[in-house]
Amino acid sequence: MSEKRVAILISGSGSNMVALLDSMTGDHPARPCLVLSNIASAGGLEKAAARGVPTAVVDHRPFAGDRPAFEAELMKPLLDAKPDIICFAGFMRILTAGFVDHWAGRALNIHPSLLPKYKGLHTHERALAAGDTVHGCTVHEVTADLDDGPILGQARVPVVAGDTPETLAARVLREEHRLYPAVLRRFAAGDRRRVMLN
């Protein structure tokens, strides 16, 4: 079986991207083919280039108010790279159904909550405000509905006394770096069973 080609979309420092890139070695069933960002100054681009992975930038700002035009530009480097799988790793743009549907069944995202709880932003604040004793992160398939696709894996972390959104986020992020590579490895091998980490 030939190795799957993986494109990773980022908007920031790319810590989950690094975890994914560094996992795709040896007997891993996938290899990175592109790291793509909507922000030219995203720190993750340098980290990807340092690992020998091709990078590209499509700035969303010139397309203000015209999401389909932005997505048409975003699609060009993706189609050139011919990925089998797309991993969203802190890509901070909401995409239209047209874009998402093109990659249906081939696109993954990581979200910092135990979905279906706390879709969208400010997940750590919301978990603390609700008095949750357990929080975590989820990798799911991307669908047109925000943070709503089939769940492929979850990692749980305890909420401890004195937690702030920042301390909780740091603990969840460590689990994200374990969970996302584990899910990608399984997904790239054609296995959609859930990965559950505690």
C-alpha atoms as a PDB file:
ATOM      1  CA  MET A   1       0.000   0.000   0.000  1.00  0.00           C
ATOM      2  CA  SER A   2       1.450   3.356  -1.019  1.00  0.00           C
ATOM      3  CA  GLU A   3       1.911   6.019   1.636  1.00  0.00           C
ATOM      4  CA  LYS A   4      -0.883   8.550   2.014  1.00  0.00           C
ATOM      5  CA  ARG A   5      -0.042  12.195   1.324  1.00  0.00           C
ATOM      6  CA  VAL A   6      -0.989  14.609   4.106  1.00  0.00           C
ATOM      7  CA  ALA A   7      -1.491  18.383   3.882  1.00  0.00           C
ATOM      8  CA  ILE A   8      -1.692  20.330   7.152  1.00  0.00           C
ATOM      9  CA  LEU A   9      -3.440  23.705   7.452  1.00  0.00           C
ATOM     10  CA  ILE A  10      -2.319  26.108  10.192  1.00  0.00           C
ATOM     11  CA  SER A  11      -2.745  29.715  11.302  1.00  0.00           C
ATOM     12  CA  GLY A  12      -0.214  29.953  14.126  1.00  0.00           C
ATOM     13  CA  SER A  13       2.791  28.364  15.804  1.00  0.00           C
ATOM     14  CA  GLY A  14       1.846  24.908  14.602  1.00  0.00           C
ATOM     15  CA  SER A  15       2.498  22.836  17.720  1.00  0.00           C
ATOM     16  CA  ASN A  16       0.002  20.172  16.616  1.00  0.00           C
ATOM     17  CA  MET A  17       1.473  20.356  13.104  1.00  0.00           C
ATOM     18  CA  VAL A  18       4.922  19.619  14.553  1.00  0.00           C
ATOM     19  CA  ALA A  19       3.531  16.634  16.466  1.00  0.00           C
ATOM     20  CA  LEU A  20       1.988  15.327  13.235  1.00  0.00           C
ATOM     21  CA  LEU A  21       5.094  15.953  11.097  1.00  0.00           C
ATOM     22  CA  ASP A  22       7.418  14.341  13.607  1.00  0.00           C
ATOM     23  CA  SER A  23       5.167  11.262  13.814  1.00  0.00           C
ATOM     24  CA  MET A  24       5.180  10.576  10.058  1.00  0.00           C
ATOM     25  CA  THR A  25       8.393   8.569   9.905  1.00  0.00           C
ATOM     26  CA  GLY A  26       9.432   4.940   9.774  1.00  0.00           C
ATOM     27  CA  ASP A  27       6.524   2.562   9.244  1.00  0.00           C
ATOM     28  CA  HIS A  28       3.902   5.335   9.422  1.00  0.00           C
ATOM     29  CA  PRO A  29       1.363   4.918   6.578  1.00  0.00           C
ATOM     30  CA  ALA A  30       1.491   8.624   5.658  1.00  0.00           C
ATOM     31  CA  ARG A  31       3.964  11.346   4.744  1.00  0.00           C
ATOM     32  CA  PRO A  32       3.545  15.154   4.727  1.00  0.00           C
ATOM     33  CA  CYS A  33       3.256  16.848   1.337  1.00  0.00           C
ATOM     34  CA  LEU A  34       2.345  20.449   2.284  1.00  0.00           C
ATOM     35  CA  VAL A  35       1.893  22.860   5.168  1.00  0.00           C
ATOM     36  CA  LEU A  36      -0.480  25.668   4.185  1.00  0.00           C
ATOM     37  CA  SER A  37      -1.297  28.817   6.166  1.00  0.00           C
ATOM     38  CA  ASN A  38      -3.551  31.820   5.785  1.00  0.00           C
ATOM     39  CA  ILE A  39      -0.999  33.956   7.691  1.00  0.00           C
ATOM     40  CA  ALA A  40       2.445  34.593   6.204  1.00  0.00           C
ATOM     41  CA  SER A  41       4.001  35.186   9.640  1.00  0.00           C
ATOM     42  CA  ALA A  42       2.656  31.939  11.148  1.00  0.00           C
ATOM     43  CA  GLY A  43       5.486  30.424  13.143  1.00  0.00           C
ATOM     44  CA  GLY A  44       4.608  26.934  11.996  1.00  0.00           C
ATOM     45  CA  LEU A  45       5.752  27.685   8.440  1.00  0.00           C
ATOM     46  CA  GLU A  46       9.417  27.982   9.494  1.00  0.00           C
ATOM     47  CA  LYS A  47       9.137  24.786  11.543  1.00  0.00           C
ATOM     48  CA  ALA A  48       7.720  22.931   8.550  1.00  0.00           C
ATOM     49  CA  ALA A  49      10.378  24.272   6.187  1.00  0.00           C
ATOM     50  CA  ALA A  50      13.075  23.255   8.690  1.00  0.00           C
ATOM     51  CA  ARG A  51      11.722  19.713   8.413  1.00  0.00           C
ATOM     52  CA  GLY A  52      11.894  19.792   4.628  1.00  0.00           C
ATOM     53  CA  VAL A  53       8.142  20.031   4.115  1.00  0.00           C
ATOM     54  CA  PRO A  54       6.880  22.312   1.308  1.00  0.00           C
ATOM     55  CA  THR A  55       4.933  25.353   2.520  1.00  0.00           C
ATOM     56  CA  ALA A  56       2.465  27.795   0.993  1.00  0.00           C
ATOM     57  CA  VAL A  57       0.537  30.893   2.112  1.00  0.00           C
ATOM     58  CA  VAL A  58      -2.863  32.140   0.972  1.00  0.00           C
ATOM     59  CA  ASP A  59      -3.643  35.349   2.864  1.00  0.00           C
ATOM     60  CA  HIS A  60      -7.371  35.586   3.618  1.00  0.00           C
ATOM     61  CA  ARG A  61      -7.371  39.376   4.082  1.00  0.00           C
ATOM     62  CA  PRO A  62      -7.595  40.426   0.406  1.00  0.00           C
ATOM     63  CA  PHE A  63     -10.757  38.322   0.165  1.00  0.00           C
ATOM     64  CA  ALA A  64     -12.672  40.027   2.984  1.00  0.00           C
ATOM     65  CA  GLY A  65     -16.353  39.228   2.579  1.00  0.00           C
ATOM     66  CA  ASP A  66     -15.757  36.770  -0.273  1.00  0.00           C
ATOM     67  CA  ARG A  67     -15.140  33.397   1.315  1.00  0.00           C
ATOM     68  CA  PRO A  68     -15.596  31.392  -1.921  1.00  0.00           C
ATOM     69  CA  ALA A  69     -12.882  33.463  -3.638  1.00  0.00           C
ATOM     70  CA  PHE A  70     -10.490  32.838  -0.735  1.00  0.00           C
ATOM     71  CA  GLU A  71     -11.266  29.131  -0.814  1.00  0.00           C
ATOM     72  CA  ALA A  72     -10.684  28.998  -4.575  1.00  0.00           C
ATOM     73  CA  GLU A  73      -7.163  30.341  -3.968  1.00  0.00           C
ATOM     74  CA  LEU A  74      -6.686  28.010  -0.997  1.00  0.00           C
ATOM     75  CA  MET A  75      -7.606  25.069  -3.192  1.00  0.00           C
ATOM     76  CA  LYS A  76      -4.823  25.744  -5.735  1.00  0.00           C
ATOM     77  CA  PRO A  77      -1.786  24.724  -3.639  1.00  0.00           C
ATOM     78  CA  LEU A  78      -3.802  21.869  -2.164  1.00  0.00           C
ATOM     79  CA  LEU A  79      -4.693  20.443  -5.561  1.00  0.00           C
ATOM     80  CA  ASP A  80      -1.073  20.891  -6.685  1.00  0.00           C
ATOM     81  CA  ALA A  81       0.119  18.892  -3.652  1.00  0.00           C
ATOM     82  CA  LYS A  82      -2.420  16.094  -4.281  1.00  0.00           C
ATOM     83  CA  PRO A  83      -3.052  15.195  -0.622  1.00  0.00           C
ATOM     84  CA  ASP A  84      -5.002  12.095   0.319  1.00  0.00           C
ATOM     85  CA  ILE A  85      -5.732  13.552   3.775  1.00  0.00           C
ATOM     86  CA  ILE A  86      -6.040  17.103   5.088  1.00  0.00           C
ATOM     87  CA  CYS A  87      -5.344  17.861   8.746  1.00  0.00           C
ATOM     88  CA  PHE A  88      -6.584  21.138  10.197  1.00  0.00           C
ATOM     89  CA  ALA A  89      -4.232  22.061  13.038  1.00  0.00           C
ATOM     90  CA  GLY A  90      -5.233  25.440  14.421  1.00  0.00           C
ATOM     91  CA  PHE A  91      -6.487  26.790  11.087  1.00  0.00           C
ATOM     92  CA  MET A  92      -8.618  29.710  12.225  1.00  0.00           C
ATOM     93  CA  ARG A  93     -10.944  30.177   9.282  1.00  0.00           C
ATOM     94  CA  ILE A  94     -14.461  28.802   8.953  1.00  0.00           C
ATOM     95  CA  LEU A  95     -14.861  27.149   5.572  1.00  0.00           C
ATOM     96  CA  THR A  96     -17.922  26.812   3.361  1.00  0.00           C
ATOM     97  CA  ALA A  97     -19.752  23.574   2.641  1.00  0.00           C
ATOM     98  CA  GLY A  98     -18.427  23.691  -0.920  1.00  0.00           C
ATOM     99  CA  PHE A  99     -14.801  23.517   0.241  1.00  0.00           C
ATOM    100  CA  VAL A 100     -15.459  20.983   2.982  1.00  0.00           C
ATOM    101  CA  ASP A 101     -17.513  18.717   0.733  1.00  0.00           C
ATOM    102  CA  HIS A 102     -14.622  18.466  -1.744  1.00  0.00           C
ATOM    103  CA  TRP A 103     -12.523  16.811   0.968  1.00  0.00           C
ATOM    104  CA  ALA A 104     -15.360  14.836   2.600  1.00  0.00           C
ATOM    105  CA  GLY A 105     -14.096  11.710   4.318  1.00  0.00           C
ATOM    106  CA  ARG A 106     -10.487  12.889   3.950  1.00  0.00           C
ATOM    107  CA  ALA A 107     -10.290  15.879   6.328  1.00  0.00           C
ATOM    108  CA  LEU A 108      -9.499  15.798  10.062  1.00  0.00           C
ATOM    109  CA  ASN A 109      -9.615  18.499  12.737  1.00  0.00           C
ATOM    110  CA  ILE A 110      -8.582  18.679  16.374  1.00  0.00           C
ATOM    111  CA  HIS A 111     -10.790  20.559  18.829  1.00  0.00           C
ATOM    112  CA  PRO A 112      -9.995  21.401  22.478  1.00  0.00           C
ATOM    113  CA  SER A 113     -13.058  19.904  24.140  1.00  0.00           C
ATOM    114  CA  LEU A 114     -14.775  16.556  24.538  1.00  0.00           C
ATOM    115  CA  LEU A 115     -17.218  16.983  21.689  1.00  0.00           C
ATOM    116  CA  PRO A 116     -20.146  17.305  21.424  1.00  0.00           C
ATOM    117  CA  LYS A 117     -19.514  19.606  24.410  1.00  0.00           C
ATOM    118  CA  TYR A 118     -18.256  23.124  23.740  1.00  0.00           C
ATOM    119  CA  LYS A 119     -18.183  23.535  19.992  1.00  0.00           C
ATOM    120  CA  GLY A 120     -16.543  26.758  18.844  1.00  0.00           C
ATOM    121  CA  LEU A 121     -14.251  28.983  20.901  1.00  0.00           C
ATOM    122  CA  HIS A 122     -13.321  29.523  24.579  1.00  0.00           C
ATOM    123  CA  THR A 123     -13.697  25.848  25.420  1.00  0.00           C
ATOM    124  CA  HIS A 124     -11.515  25.900  28.532  1.00  0.00           C
ATOM    125  CA  GLU A 125     -13.334  28.864  30.053  1.00  0.00           C
ATOM    126  CA  ARG A 126     -16.656  27.190  29.351  1.00  0.00           C
ATOM    127  CA  ALA A 127     -15.584  23.882  30.919  1.00  0.00           C
ATOM    128  CA  LEU A 128     -14.445  25.686  34.076  1.00  0.00           C
ATOM    129  CA  ALA A 129     -17.595  27.803  34.228  1.00  0.00           C
ATOM    130  CA  ALA A 130     -19.709  24.635  33.996  1.00  0.00           C
ATOM    131  CA  GLY A 131     -17.839  23.049  36.892  1.00  0.00           C
ATOM    132  CA  ASP A 132     -16.683  20.108  34.778  1.00  0.00           C
ATOM    133  CA  THR A 133     -14.352  17.628  36.471  1.00  0.00           C
ATOM    134  CA  VAL A 134     -13.131  16.192  33.153  1.00  0.00           C
ATOM    135  CA  HIS A 135     -12.122  18.063  30.007  1.00  0.00           C
ATOM    136  CA  GLY A 136     -10.077  17.105  26.984  1.00  0.00           C
ATOM    137  CA  CYS A 137      -9.766  17.156  23.219  1.00  0.00           C
ATOM    138  CA  THR A 138     -11.320  15.487  20.188  1.00  0.00           C
ATOM    139  CA  VAL A 139     -10.166  14.605  16.687  1.00  0.00           C
ATOM    140  CA  HIS A 140     -13.066  14.416  14.258  1.00  0.00           C
ATOM    141  CA  GLU A 141     -13.804  14.265  10.570  1.00  0.00           C
ATOM    142  CA  VAL A 142     -14.572  17.686   9.122  1.00  0.00           C
ATOM    143  CA  THR A 143     -18.102  18.307   7.880  1.00  0.00           C
ATOM    144  CA  ALA A 144     -19.955  21.454   6.864  1.00  0.00           C
ATOM    145  CA  ASP A 145     -21.262  21.847  10.435  1.00  0.00           C
ATOM    146  CA  LEU A 146     -18.740  23.411  12.832  1.00  0.00           C
ATOM    147  CA  ASP A 147     -16.987  20.877  15.102  1.00  0.00           C
ATOM    148  CA  ASP A 148     -19.621  18.286  14.261  1.00  0.00           C
ATOM    149  CA  GLY A 149     -18.161  15.441  12.159  1.00  0.00           C
ATOM    150  CA  PRO A 150     -17.755  11.806  13.214  1.00  0.00           C
ATOM    151  CA  ILE A 151     -15.475  11.492  16.246  1.00  0.00           C
ATOM    152  CA  LEU A 152     -12.238   9.588  15.574  1.00  0.00           C
ATOM    153  CA  GLY A 153     -10.556   9.978  18.940  1.00  0.00           C
ATOM    154  CA  GLN A 154     -10.657  11.683  22.325  1.00  0.00           C
ATOM    155  CA  ALA A 155      -8.245  12.288  25.183  1.00  0.00           C
ATOM    156  CA  ARG A 156      -9.494  13.146  28.657  1.00  0.00           C
ATOM    157  CA  VAL A 157      -7.759  15.279  31.272  1.00  0.00           C
ATOM    158  CA  PRO A 158      -8.853  15.949  34.863  1.00  0.00           C
ATOM    159  CA  VAL A 159      -9.885  19.452  35.881  1.00  0.00           C
ATOM    160  CA  VAL A 160      -8.055  20.187  39.136  1.00  0.00           C
ATOM    161  CA  ALA A 161      -8.688  22.688  41.915  1.00  0.00           C
ATOM    162  CA  GLY A 162      -7.244  26.091  41.087  1.00  0.00           C
ATOM    163  CA  ASP A 163      -7.217  25.494  37.326  1.00  0.00           C
ATOM    164  CA  THR A 164      -7.317  28.580  35.120  1.00  0.00           C
ATOM    165  CA  PRO A 165      -8.169  28.521  31.431  1.00  0.00           C
ATOM    166  CA  GLU A 166      -4.413  28.754  30.790  1.00  0.00           C
ATOM    167  CA  THR A 167      -3.369  25.831  33.012  1.00  0.00           C
ATOM    168  CA  LEU A 168      -6.190  23.703  31.661  1.00  0.00           C
ATOM    169  CA  ALA A 169      -5.334  24.614  28.066  1.00  0.00           C
ATOM    170  CA  ALA A 170      -1.700  23.613  28.628  1.00  0.00           C
ATOM    171  CA  ARG A 171      -2.723  20.227  30.009  1.00  0.00           C
ATOM    172  CA  VAL A 172      -5.135  19.629  27.127  1.00  0.00           C
ATOM    173  CA  LEU A 173      -2.515  20.667  24.558  1.00  0.00           C
ATOM    174  CA  ARG A 174      -0.112  17.987  25.786  1.00  0.00           C
ATOM    175  CA  GLU A 175      -2.840  15.419  25.114  1.00  0.00           C
ATOM    176  CA  GLU A 176      -3.586  16.935  21.705  1.00  0.00           C
ATOM    177  CA  HIS A 177       0.032  16.244  20.756  1.00  0.00           C
ATOM    178  CA  ARG A 178      -0.478  12.558  21.676  1.00  0.00           C
ATOM    179  CA  LEU A 179      -3.986  12.126  20.267  1.00  0.00           C
ATOM    180  CA  TYR A 180      -3.747  13.731  16.829  1.00  0.00           C
ATOM    181  CA  PRO A 181      -0.751  11.642  15.650  1.00  0.00           C
ATOM    182  CA  ALA A 182      -2.376   8.470  16.987  1.00  0.00           C
ATOM    183  CA  VAL A 183      -5.598   9.181  15.103  1.00  0.00           C
ATOM    184  CA  LEU A 184      -3.783  10.151  11.893  1.00  0.00           C
ATOM    185  CA  ARG A 185      -1.763   6.923  11.917  1.00  0.00           C
ATOM    186  CA  ARG A 186      -4.917   4.840  12.299  1.00  0.00           C
ATOM    187  CA  PHE A 187      -6.934   6.922   9.791  1.00  0.00           C
ATOM    188  CA  ALA A 188      -4.167   6.788   7.161  1.00  0.00           C
ATOM    189  CA  ALA A 189      -4.199   3.002   7.461  1.00  0.00           C
ATOM    190  CA  GLY A 190      -7.922   3.013   6.650  1.00  0.00           C
ATOM    191  CA  ASP A 191      -9.060   2.375  10.211  1.00  0.00           C
ATOM    192  CA  ARG A 192     -11.797   4.686  11.525  1.00  0.00           C
ATOM    193  CA  ARG A 193     -12.163   3.084  14.963  1.00  0.00           C
ATOM    194  CA  ARG A 194     -11.920   5.624  17.770  1.00  0.00           C
ATOM    195  CA  VAL A 195      -8.662   6.227  19.592  1.00  0.00           C
ATOM    196  CA  MET A 196      -9.405   6.834  23.281  1.00  0.00           C
ATOM    197  CA  LEU A 197      -6.664   8.175  25.567  1.00  0.00           C
ATOM    198  CA  ASN A 198      -7.017   8.869  29.292  1.00  0.00           C
END
